[in-house]
Amino acid sequence: MAHFAKLDDNNIVLEVIVINSDTIENLPFPDSEPIGIAFLTEWSNGYTNWKQTSYNSNFRKHYAGVGYSYDVSLEAFIAPKPYPSWLLNTNTCTWEAPVPYPDKDKDYIWDEETLNWIQE
């Protein structure tokens, strides 16, 4: 199976479509992508903004989810930003709090008002 994200004009994921591997001639990424896009463009009556995504996150950093964005320069799908203060780690394409998580053996929640972790 191959997975393709349908993107809006701002490269936000609208949905993820699964197509049969035979449709992409059982080719691996990136050779499979143009074949899948051609198929989906015809299938969707001309919609052309598709990007292949990896269910196992083997390429493009993360599996695309509805609401994720696709960053062209990073070649990555990025989850929605959880808090305004969090920063994007451009190596992992994940959001990180401005303060490190305090203790992995305890449960904390992020408090945006104080910009700190609060133990639950």
N, C-alpha and C. Protein backbone atom coordinates (compact mmCIF):
# COMPACT_ATOMS: atom_id res chain seq x y z
N MET A 1 0.83 -1.18 0.00
CA MET A 1 0.00 0.00 0.00
C MET A 1 0.87 1.25 0.00
N ALA A 2 0.39 2.27 -0.64
CA ALA A 2 1.07 3.56 -0.68
C ALA A 2 0.11 4.62 -0.14
N HIS A 3 0.66 5.57 0.59
CA HIS A 3 -0.13 6.61 1.23
C HIS A 3 0.22 7.96 0.64
N PHE A 4 -0.81 8.74 0.32
CA PHE A 4 -0.62 10.06 -0.25
C PHE A 4 -1.46 11.07 0.51
N ALA A 5 -0.84 12.20 0.81
CA ALA A 5 -1.53 13.29 1.49
C ALA A 5 -2.07 14.27 0.46
N LYS A 6 -3.32 14.63 0.61
CA LYS A 6 -3.94 15.68 -0.20
C LYS A 6 -3.72 16.99 0.54
N LEU A 7 -3.07 17.94 -0.13
CA LEU A 7 -2.71 19.21 0.50
C LEU A 7 -3.55 20.35 -0.05
N ASP A 8 -3.84 21.33 0.82
CA ASP A 8 -4.52 22.53 0.33
C ASP A 8 -3.48 23.50 -0.24
N ASP A 9 -3.91 24.71 -0.58
CA ASP A 9 -3.01 25.69 -1.20
C ASP A 9 -1.90 26.15 -0.26
N ASN A 10 -2.08 25.95 1.04
CA ASN A 10 -1.06 26.31 2.03
C ASN A 10 -0.26 25.10 2.50
N ASN A 11 -0.38 23.99 1.79
CA ASN A 11 0.30 22.73 2.11
C ASN A 11 -0.11 22.15 3.46
N ILE A 12 -1.37 22.33 3.81
CA ILE A 12 -1.94 21.70 5.00
C ILE A 12 -2.65 20.43 4.54
N VAL A 13 -2.42 19.34 5.28
CA VAL A 13 -3.00 18.05 4.91
C VAL A 13 -4.51 18.06 5.14
N LEU A 14 -5.25 17.77 4.08
CA LEU A 14 -6.71 17.68 4.14
C LEU A 14 -7.18 16.26 4.43
N GLU A 15 -6.46 15.29 3.84
CA GLU A 15 -6.79 13.88 4.05
C GLU A 15 -5.62 13.05 3.54
N VAL A 16 -5.62 11.79 3.94
CA VAL A 16 -4.61 10.85 3.47
C VAL A 16 -5.33 9.71 2.77
N ILE A 17 -4.89 9.43 1.55
CA ILE A 17 -5.50 8.39 0.72
C ILE A 17 -4.52 7.22 0.60
N VAL A 18 -5.06 6.02 0.69
CA VAL A 18 -4.25 4.81 0.52
C VAL A 18 -4.58 4.21 -0.85
N ILE A 19 -3.52 3.92 -1.61
CA ILE A 19 -3.73 3.27 -2.91
C ILE A 19 -2.94 1.97 -2.95
N ASN A 20 -3.38 1.07 -3.80
CA ASN A 20 -2.75 -0.23 -3.94
C ASN A 20 -1.35 -0.10 -4.52
N SER A 21 -0.44 -0.93 -4.05
CA SER A 21 0.95 -0.91 -4.53
C SER A 21 1.04 -1.18 -6.03
N ASP A 22 0.11 -1.96 -6.55
CA ASP A 22 0.10 -2.22 -8.00
C ASP A 22 -0.09 -0.92 -8.79
N THR A 23 -0.84 0.01 -8.21
CA THR A 23 -1.11 1.28 -8.88
C THR A 23 0.18 2.06 -9.10
N ILE A 24 1.12 1.93 -8.18
CA ILE A 24 2.41 2.63 -8.31
C ILE A 24 3.49 1.69 -8.84
N GLU A 25 3.03 0.63 -9.47
CA GLU A 25 3.91 -0.36 -10.10
C GLU A 25 4.90 -0.99 -9.11
N ASN A 26 4.48 -1.05 -7.85
CA ASN A 26 5.30 -1.63 -6.77
C ASN A 26 6.67 -0.97 -6.65
N LEU A 27 6.76 0.26 -7.08
CA LEU A 27 8.03 0.99 -7.00
C LEU A 27 8.22 1.61 -5.63
N PRO A 28 9.46 1.75 -5.19
CA PRO A 28 9.72 2.42 -3.92
C PRO A 28 9.70 3.94 -4.12
N PHE A 29 9.58 4.67 -3.02
CA PHE A 29 9.72 6.12 -3.04
C PHE A 29 11.18 6.45 -3.35
N PRO A 30 11.51 7.40 -4.15
CA PRO A 30 10.66 8.45 -4.73
C PRO A 30 10.10 8.13 -6.12
N ASP A 31 10.50 6.99 -6.69
CA ASP A 31 10.02 6.65 -8.04
C ASP A 31 8.51 6.47 -8.09
N SER A 32 7.92 6.07 -6.98
CA SER A 32 6.49 5.82 -6.92
C SER A 32 5.65 7.10 -6.92
N GLU A 33 6.23 8.18 -6.42
CA GLU A 33 5.43 9.40 -6.20
C GLU A 33 4.81 9.97 -7.48
N PRO A 34 5.54 10.20 -8.55
CA PRO A 34 4.88 10.78 -9.73
C PRO A 34 3.80 9.88 -10.31
N ILE A 35 3.97 8.58 -10.19
CA ILE A 35 2.95 7.64 -10.69
C ILE A 35 1.69 7.75 -9.84
N GLY A 36 1.89 7.79 -8.52
CA GLY A 36 0.76 7.93 -7.60
C GLY A 36 0.04 9.25 -7.79
N ILE A 37 0.79 10.33 -7.97
CA ILE A 37 0.17 11.64 -8.18
C ILE A 37 -0.63 11.66 -9.48
N ALA A 38 -0.09 11.07 -10.52
CA ALA A 38 -0.83 11.01 -11.80
C ALA A 38 -2.14 10.24 -11.62
N PHE A 39 -2.08 9.11 -10.90
CA PHE A 39 -3.28 8.33 -10.65
C PHE A 39 -4.30 9.13 -9.84
N LEU A 40 -3.84 9.77 -8.76
CA LEU A 40 -4.75 10.51 -7.89
C LEU A 40 -5.30 11.76 -8.57
N THR A 41 -4.52 12.38 -9.44
CA THR A 41 -5.00 13.54 -10.19
C THR A 41 -6.18 13.14 -11.08
N GLU A 42 -6.03 12.02 -11.74
CA GLU A 42 -7.14 11.53 -12.58
C GLU A 42 -8.32 11.10 -11.71
N TRP A 43 -8.04 10.37 -10.65
CA TRP A 43 -9.08 9.86 -9.74
C TRP A 43 -9.89 10.99 -9.12
N SER A 44 -9.21 12.12 -8.84
CA SER A 44 -9.86 13.23 -8.14
C SER A 44 -10.36 14.32 -9.09
N ASN A 45 -10.45 13.99 -10.37
CA ASN A 45 -10.93 14.95 -11.38
C ASN A 45 -10.06 16.19 -11.47
N GLY A 46 -8.74 16.00 -11.39
CA GLY A 46 -7.83 17.10 -11.67
C GLY A 46 -7.14 17.74 -10.48
N TYR A 47 -7.39 17.26 -9.28
CA TYR A 47 -6.70 17.83 -8.11
C TYR A 47 -5.25 17.36 -8.14
N THR A 48 -4.29 18.29 -8.06
CA THR A 48 -2.89 17.94 -8.30
C THR A 48 -1.97 18.07 -7.09
N ASN A 49 -2.44 18.61 -5.98
CA ASN A 49 -1.53 18.87 -4.85
C ASN A 49 -1.49 17.67 -3.90
N TRP A 50 -0.68 16.70 -4.26
CA TRP A 50 -0.51 15.46 -3.50
C TRP A 50 0.97 15.26 -3.17
N LYS A 51 1.25 14.67 -2.00
CA LYS A 51 2.61 14.28 -1.63
C LYS A 51 2.55 12.89 -1.02
N GLN A 52 3.48 12.05 -1.38
CA GLN A 52 3.52 10.72 -0.79
C GLN A 52 4.03 10.82 0.65
N THR A 53 3.48 10.00 1.51
CA THR A 53 3.88 9.95 2.91
C THR A 53 4.16 8.51 3.30
N SER A 54 4.98 8.34 4.31
CA SER A 54 5.38 6.99 4.72
C SER A 54 4.71 6.62 6.03
N TYR A 55 3.96 5.53 6.01
CA TYR A 55 3.30 5.04 7.21
C TYR A 55 4.31 4.73 8.31
N ASN A 56 5.51 4.31 7.92
CA ASN A 56 6.57 3.98 8.88
C ASN A 56 7.55 5.13 9.09
N SER A 57 7.22 6.30 8.56
CA SER A 57 8.09 7.49 8.64
C SER A 57 9.48 7.24 8.06
N ASN A 58 9.54 6.45 6.99
CA ASN A 58 10.82 6.17 6.33
C ASN A 58 11.31 7.35 5.50
N PHE A 59 10.43 8.25 5.15
CA PHE A 59 10.81 9.46 4.43
C PHE A 59 9.84 10.57 4.83
N ARG A 60 10.28 11.80 4.66
CA ARG A 60 9.52 13.00 5.00
C ARG A 60 9.20 13.08 6.50
N LYS A 61 10.10 12.53 7.30
CA LYS A 61 10.15 12.64 8.77
C LYS A 61 8.98 12.00 9.51
N HIS A 62 7.75 12.30 9.12
CA HIS A 62 6.57 11.81 9.85
C HIS A 62 5.48 11.40 8.87
N TYR A 63 4.65 10.48 9.31
CA TYR A 63 3.46 10.13 8.55
C TYR A 63 2.51 11.33 8.60
N ALA A 64 1.98 11.70 7.46
CA ALA A 64 1.08 12.85 7.39
C ALA A 64 -0.23 12.55 8.10
N GLY A 65 -0.72 13.52 8.81
CA GLY A 65 -2.03 13.44 9.44
C GLY A 65 -2.84 14.66 9.06
N VAL A 66 -4.14 14.55 9.15
CA VAL A 66 -5.01 15.70 8.85
C VAL A 66 -4.60 16.85 9.76
N GLY A 67 -4.39 18.01 9.17
CA GLY A 67 -3.98 19.18 9.92
C GLY A 67 -2.47 19.40 9.96
N TYR A 68 -1.71 18.39 9.59
CA TYR A 68 -0.25 18.54 9.50
C TYR A 68 0.06 19.48 8.35
N SER A 69 1.25 20.05 8.35
CA SER A 69 1.69 20.86 7.23
C SER A 69 2.85 20.15 6.54
N TYR A 70 2.99 20.45 5.26
CA TYR A 70 4.13 19.93 4.52
C TYR A 70 5.07 21.09 4.28
N ASP A 71 6.31 20.96 4.78
CA ASP A 71 7.32 21.99 4.60
C ASP A 71 8.20 21.61 3.41
N VAL A 72 8.12 22.40 2.36
CA VAL A 72 8.84 22.12 1.12
C VAL A 72 10.34 22.14 1.35
N SER A 73 10.84 23.14 2.07
CA SER A 73 12.29 23.27 2.25
C SER A 73 12.86 22.16 3.13
N LEU A 74 12.09 21.68 4.09
CA LEU A 74 12.55 20.59 4.97
C LEU A 74 12.18 19.22 4.42
N GLU A 75 11.35 19.19 3.37
CA GLU A 75 10.86 17.92 2.81
C GLU A 75 10.25 17.06 3.92
N ALA A 76 9.35 17.67 4.71
CA ALA A 76 8.83 16.97 5.89
C ALA A 76 7.39 17.35 6.18
N PHE A 77 6.68 16.38 6.75
CA PHE A 77 5.36 16.64 7.31
C PHE A 77 5.55 17.00 8.78
N ILE A 78 4.88 18.06 9.20
CA ILE A 78 5.05 18.58 10.55
C ILE A 78 3.69 18.69 11.22
N ALA A 79 3.61 18.15 12.45
CA ALA A 79 2.37 18.21 13.23
C ALA A 79 2.02 19.66 13.54
N PRO A 80 0.75 19.93 13.83
CA PRO A 80 0.38 21.29 14.23
C PRO A 80 1.14 21.71 15.49
N LYS A 81 1.46 22.96 15.57
CA LYS A 81 2.19 23.51 16.71
C LYS A 81 1.30 23.43 17.95
N PRO A 82 1.78 22.75 19.03
CA PRO A 82 0.92 22.56 20.19
C PRO A 82 0.74 23.81 21.05
N TYR A 83 1.75 24.66 21.12
CA TYR A 83 1.69 25.87 21.93
C TYR A 83 2.45 26.98 21.22
N PRO A 84 2.03 28.23 21.38
CA PRO A 84 2.72 29.33 20.69
C PRO A 84 4.21 29.46 21.04
N SER A 85 4.60 29.08 22.23
CA SER A 85 5.99 29.25 22.65
C SER A 85 6.93 28.15 22.15
N TRP A 86 6.38 27.05 21.68
CA TRP A 86 7.23 25.93 21.29
C TRP A 86 7.94 26.23 19.97
N LEU A 87 9.13 25.65 19.83
CA LEU A 87 9.97 25.89 18.66
C LEU A 87 10.15 24.61 17.85
N LEU A 88 10.28 24.78 16.56
CA LEU A 88 10.46 23.62 15.68
C LEU A 88 11.92 23.22 15.64
N ASN A 89 12.19 21.96 15.95
CA ASN A 89 13.52 21.38 15.77
C ASN A 89 13.58 20.98 14.30
N THR A 90 14.39 21.67 13.52
CA THR A 90 14.41 21.42 12.08
C THR A 90 15.14 20.14 11.70
N ASN A 91 15.84 19.52 12.65
CA ASN A 91 16.48 18.23 12.38
C ASN A 91 15.47 17.09 12.49
N THR A 92 14.62 17.15 13.52
CA THR A 92 13.64 16.09 13.75
C THR A 92 12.25 16.46 13.23
N CYS A 93 12.06 17.75 12.95
CA CYS A 93 10.75 18.28 12.53
C CYS A 93 9.67 18.00 13.57
N THR A 94 10.06 18.14 14.83
CA THR A 94 9.12 18.04 15.94
C THR A 94 9.16 19.34 16.74
N TRP A 95 8.06 19.62 17.43
CA TRP A 95 7.97 20.82 18.25
C TRP A 95 8.57 20.52 19.62
N GLU A 96 9.32 21.48 20.15
CA GLU A 96 9.95 21.32 21.45
C GLU A 96 9.62 22.52 22.33
N ALA A 97 9.39 22.21 23.60
CA ALA A 97 9.13 23.27 24.58
C ALA A 97 10.39 24.09 24.79
N PRO A 98 10.24 25.36 25.14
CA PRO A 98 11.42 26.18 25.39
C PRO A 98 12.17 25.79 26.67
N VAL A 99 11.54 24.94 27.46
CA VAL A 99 12.15 24.43 28.71
C VAL A 99 12.13 22.90 28.62
N PRO A 100 13.25 22.23 28.84
CA PRO A 100 13.27 20.76 28.76
C PRO A 100 12.32 20.10 29.76
N TYR A 101 11.82 18.95 29.36
CA TYR A 101 10.96 18.15 30.25
C TYR A 101 11.76 17.79 31.49
N PRO A 102 11.23 18.04 32.70
CA PRO A 102 12.04 17.93 33.92
C PRO A 102 12.48 16.53 34.34
N ASP A 103 11.56 15.57 34.38
CA ASP A 103 11.89 14.26 34.96
C ASP A 103 11.06 13.22 34.24
N LYS A 104 11.72 12.34 33.53
CA LYS A 104 11.00 11.35 32.72
C LYS A 104 10.21 10.34 33.57
N ASP A 105 10.49 10.27 34.88
CA ASP A 105 9.79 9.33 35.75
C ASP A 105 8.51 9.92 36.35
N LYS A 106 8.22 11.17 36.05
CA LYS A 106 7.01 11.81 36.57
C LYS A 106 6.22 12.39 35.41
N ASP A 107 4.94 12.65 35.67
CA ASP A 107 4.07 13.22 34.64
C ASP A 107 3.94 14.72 34.83
N TYR A 108 4.13 15.44 33.73
CA TYR A 108 4.01 16.89 33.72
C TYR A 108 3.12 17.32 32.57
N ILE A 109 2.53 18.49 32.73
CA ILE A 109 1.80 19.12 31.63
C ILE A 109 2.43 20.48 31.39
N TRP A 110 2.34 20.95 30.16
CA TRP A 110 2.91 22.24 29.82
C TRP A 110 1.94 23.35 30.19
N ASP A 111 2.44 24.39 30.85
CA ASP A 111 1.65 25.56 31.19
C ASP A 111 2.15 26.73 30.35
N GLU A 112 1.38 27.11 29.38
CA GLU A 112 1.79 28.18 28.46
C GLU A 112 1.86 29.53 29.16
N GLU A 113 1.04 29.72 30.18
CA GLU A 113 1.04 31.01 30.88
C GLU A 113 2.37 31.28 31.60
N THR A 114 2.91 30.24 32.25
CA THR A 114 4.18 30.40 32.98
C THR A 114 5.38 29.94 32.15
N LEU A 115 5.10 29.37 30.99
CA LEU A 115 6.16 28.82 30.13
C LEU A 115 7.02 27.80 30.88
N ASN A 116 6.31 26.89 31.56
CA ASN A 116 7.02 25.88 32.33
C ASN A 116 6.17 24.62 32.47
N TRP A 117 6.83 23.55 32.90
CA TRP A 117 6.14 22.29 33.15
C TRP A 117 5.58 22.28 34.56
N ILE A 118 4.38 21.71 34.71
CA ILE A 118 3.75 21.58 36.02
C ILE A 118 3.48 20.10 36.26
N GLN A 119 3.92 19.63 37.42
CA GLN A 119 3.73 18.21 37.74
C GLN A 119 2.24 17.94 37.95
N GLU A 120 1.77 16.83 37.39
CA GLU A 120 0.36 16.45 37.55
C GLU A 120 0.13 15.77 38.87
